[in-house]
Structures are given as structure tokens and as C-alpha cells.
């Protein structure tokens, strides 16, 4: 049985390619960012407020196979850990044929915009992430 996940579809663009004619590895982080923002926008209500906003604290990517253009990618986000002020999301990037191109995780920390200090994970985020826990 597969884990509960939020999935975003992303089409590669010609400008994503590097000298080796495959998607540049740095774009994998952009694809993950696009998936996270799509997930945030899918939630009921705001995901950023005057009291709390997310910052990327760390990212780990295991590059499994180059992505050739053109490709339609499925970026899957799954909750791995829900902390007091942080959220760890596992991720996978696969193409339309199911080939795994990358996996790993990111850690988001919610901070107060006025001082940058960690703050409690908003209930809306906590509840939405719980639905993505394995």
C-alpha cells in the first residue's frame, strides 16, 4: 500500500536543461518548492500569517536517475514528522513511466516574521500534515 501523499504534476521546460542535455540538478529543489507551494495553496485558509510563516531549514535529495526532456513529473510529498514548530516532508520525483529520479526529505520551520524566531506549527498545517502521515 502506498503512503498518503500530495501530488503535483510538473512538465519539464527546455530551459531546465544543462550542458549534458538533462534537467540540471539544481532544478530538483525548484520542483520541490513548487510542490510545497501547491500543497500550501490547496489548504483551507492562509498558510502564511502575520504570526507564522514557513522557512526551509534543510533539504536532502538523493539523485537516482537523470531527467530527460520532455517529461511530465509527479512530485509526491508525504509527512514524515510533525514537530512543535517544524514539519519534515519526504518527497519523490518520478516521471510518467514511474521512474524514480529523486527522493529524500525537506524540513520546514515555522517562524515569526517580525523576529525570525521559531513559533508553534499552525493547527491548519498540523492537521493537513497529519493526513499525509504514513
Protein backbone atom coordinates (compact mmCIF):
# COMPACT_ATOMS: atom_id res chain seq x y z
CA UNK A 1 0.00 0.00 0.00
CA UNK A 2 1.39 3.41 -0.89
CA UNK A 3 1.71 6.22 1.62
CA UNK A 4 -0.78 9.10 1.66
CA UNK A 5 0.67 11.87 -0.47
CA UNK A 6 0.04 15.22 -2.09
CA UNK A 7 0.99 15.04 -5.77
CA UNK A 8 1.85 17.90 -8.11
CA UNK A 9 2.42 17.40 -11.84
CA UNK A 10 5.22 19.44 -13.38
CA UNK A 11 6.26 19.48 -17.03
CA UNK A 12 9.94 19.99 -17.70
CA UNK A 13 10.92 23.01 -19.73
CA UNK A 14 13.69 23.32 -22.29
CA UNK A 15 15.32 25.98 -20.11
CA UNK A 16 15.65 23.39 -17.29
CA UNK A 17 18.33 21.52 -19.26
CA UNK A 18 22.05 21.68 -18.62
CA UNK A 19 25.04 21.07 -20.87
CA UNK A 20 24.54 17.31 -20.56
CA UNK A 21 21.03 17.66 -22.04
CA UNK A 22 19.17 16.59 -18.92
CA UNK A 23 17.44 18.58 -16.19
CA UNK A 24 20.01 20.41 -14.08
CA UNK A 25 20.17 19.01 -10.54
CA UNK A 26 19.51 22.44 -9.03
CA UNK A 27 16.03 22.40 -10.60
CA UNK A 28 15.02 19.46 -8.41
CA UNK A 29 14.84 21.91 -5.48
CA UNK A 30 12.65 24.21 -7.57
CA UNK A 31 10.30 21.31 -8.36
CA UNK A 32 10.06 20.53 -4.63
CA UNK A 33 9.36 24.17 -3.86
CA UNK A 34 6.59 24.27 -6.48
CA UNK A 35 5.04 21.14 -4.94
CA UNK A 36 5.18 22.58 -1.40
CA UNK A 37 3.59 25.85 -2.53
CA UNK A 38 0.86 23.94 -4.41
CA UNK A 39 0.20 21.92 -1.24
CA UNK A 40 0.02 25.10 0.87
CA UNK A 41 -2.39 26.67 -1.62
CA UNK A 42 -4.60 23.54 -1.52
CA UNK A 43 -5.26 24.06 2.20
CA UNK A 44 -8.31 25.85 3.53
CA UNK A 45 -7.28 29.32 4.57
CA UNK A 46 -3.95 31.15 4.60
CA UNK A 47 -0.67 29.29 5.10
CA UNK A 48 1.27 32.48 5.88
CA UNK A 49 0.11 34.94 8.51
CA UNK A 50 1.49 37.88 10.45
CA UNK A 51 2.25 35.40 13.26
CA UNK A 52 3.82 32.49 11.38
CA UNK A 53 5.43 31.62 8.06
CA UNK A 54 7.48 28.64 6.88
CA UNK A 55 11.18 28.68 6.10
CA UNK A 56 13.15 25.88 4.50
CA UNK A 57 15.59 24.66 7.17
CA UNK A 58 17.15 21.75 5.30
CA UNK A 59 16.83 19.65 2.17
CA UNK A 60 18.20 16.23 1.37
CA UNK A 61 17.98 14.92 -2.17
CA UNK A 62 19.14 11.54 -3.39
CA UNK A 63 19.58 11.77 -7.16
CA UNK A 64 18.55 8.39 -8.59
CA UNK A 65 18.34 8.96 -12.36
CA UNK A 66 18.73 11.92 -14.74
CA UNK A 67 15.53 13.53 -16.02
CA UNK A 68 15.40 13.81 -19.79
CA UNK A 69 13.31 16.45 -21.53
CA UNK A 70 10.46 16.40 -22.28
CA UNK A 71 8.97 14.73 -19.21
CA UNK A 72 5.85 15.05 -17.11
CA UNK A 73 6.91 14.68 -13.50
CA UNK A 74 4.89 13.68 -10.45
CA UNK A 75 6.28 15.26 -7.29
CA UNK A 76 4.93 13.44 -4.22
CA UNK A 77 5.04 14.98 -0.73
CA UNK A 78 4.46 12.81 2.35
CA UNK A 79 4.66 13.86 6.00
CA UNK A 80 7.46 12.13 7.88
CA UNK A 81 7.49 14.05 11.17
CA UNK A 82 5.32 16.74 12.72
CA UNK A 83 7.17 18.69 15.38
CA UNK A 84 6.33 21.63 17.63
CA UNK A 85 7.49 24.24 15.11
CA UNK A 86 8.72 22.07 12.26
CA UNK A 87 7.46 19.71 9.60
CA UNK A 88 9.54 17.09 7.81
CA UNK A 89 8.24 16.17 4.36
CA UNK A 90 9.50 13.15 2.47
CA UNK A 91 9.49 13.56 -1.30
CA UNK A 92 9.77 11.62 -4.53
CA UNK A 93 10.13 12.85 -8.09
CA UNK A 94 9.00 10.33 -10.71
CA UNK A 95 8.30 10.60 -14.42
CA UNK A 96 5.18 9.47 -16.27
CA UNK A 97 6.66 5.98 -16.62
CA UNK A 98 7.16 5.63 -12.86
CA UNK A 99 10.95 6.00 -12.94
CA UNK A 100 12.24 7.35 -9.62
CA UNK A 101 14.52 10.32 -10.33
CA UNK A 102 14.98 11.62 -6.78
CA UNK A 103 13.85 11.12 -3.22
CA UNK A 104 14.72 12.50 0.20
CA UNK A 105 13.20 14.98 2.60
CA UNK A 106 12.91 18.63 3.50
CA UNK A 107 12.41 20.27 6.88
CA UNK A 108 10.27 23.38 7.16
CA UNK A 109 10.34 25.51 10.33
CA UNK A 110 7.59 28.00 11.12
CA UNK A 111 8.90 31.32 12.38
CA UNK A 112 7.51 34.67 13.45
CA UNK A 113 8.02 37.10 10.55
CA UNK A 114 8.76 40.00 12.92
CA UNK A 115 11.75 38.36 14.63
CA UNK A 116 12.58 35.14 12.77
CA UNK A 117 12.22 33.02 15.92
CA UNK A 118 10.53 29.60 15.73
CA UNK A 119 6.86 29.53 16.61
CA UNK A 120 4.24 26.84 17.02
CA UNK A 121 3.24 24.94 13.89
CA UNK A 122 -0.17 26.38 12.90
CA UNK A 123 -3.07 24.00 13.57
CA UNK A 124 -4.13 24.19 9.91
CA UNK A 125 -0.71 22.90 8.85
CA UNK A 126 -0.57 20.31 11.65
CA UNK A 127 -3.97 18.92 10.64
CA UNK A 128 -3.15 18.87 6.90
CA UNK A 129 0.22 17.20 7.53
CA UNK A 130 -1.39 14.55 9.73
CA UNK A 131 -3.44 13.47 6.69
CA UNK A 132 -0.12 12.84 4.87
CA UNK A 133 1.45 10.71 7.61
CA UNK A 134 2.09 7.05 6.84
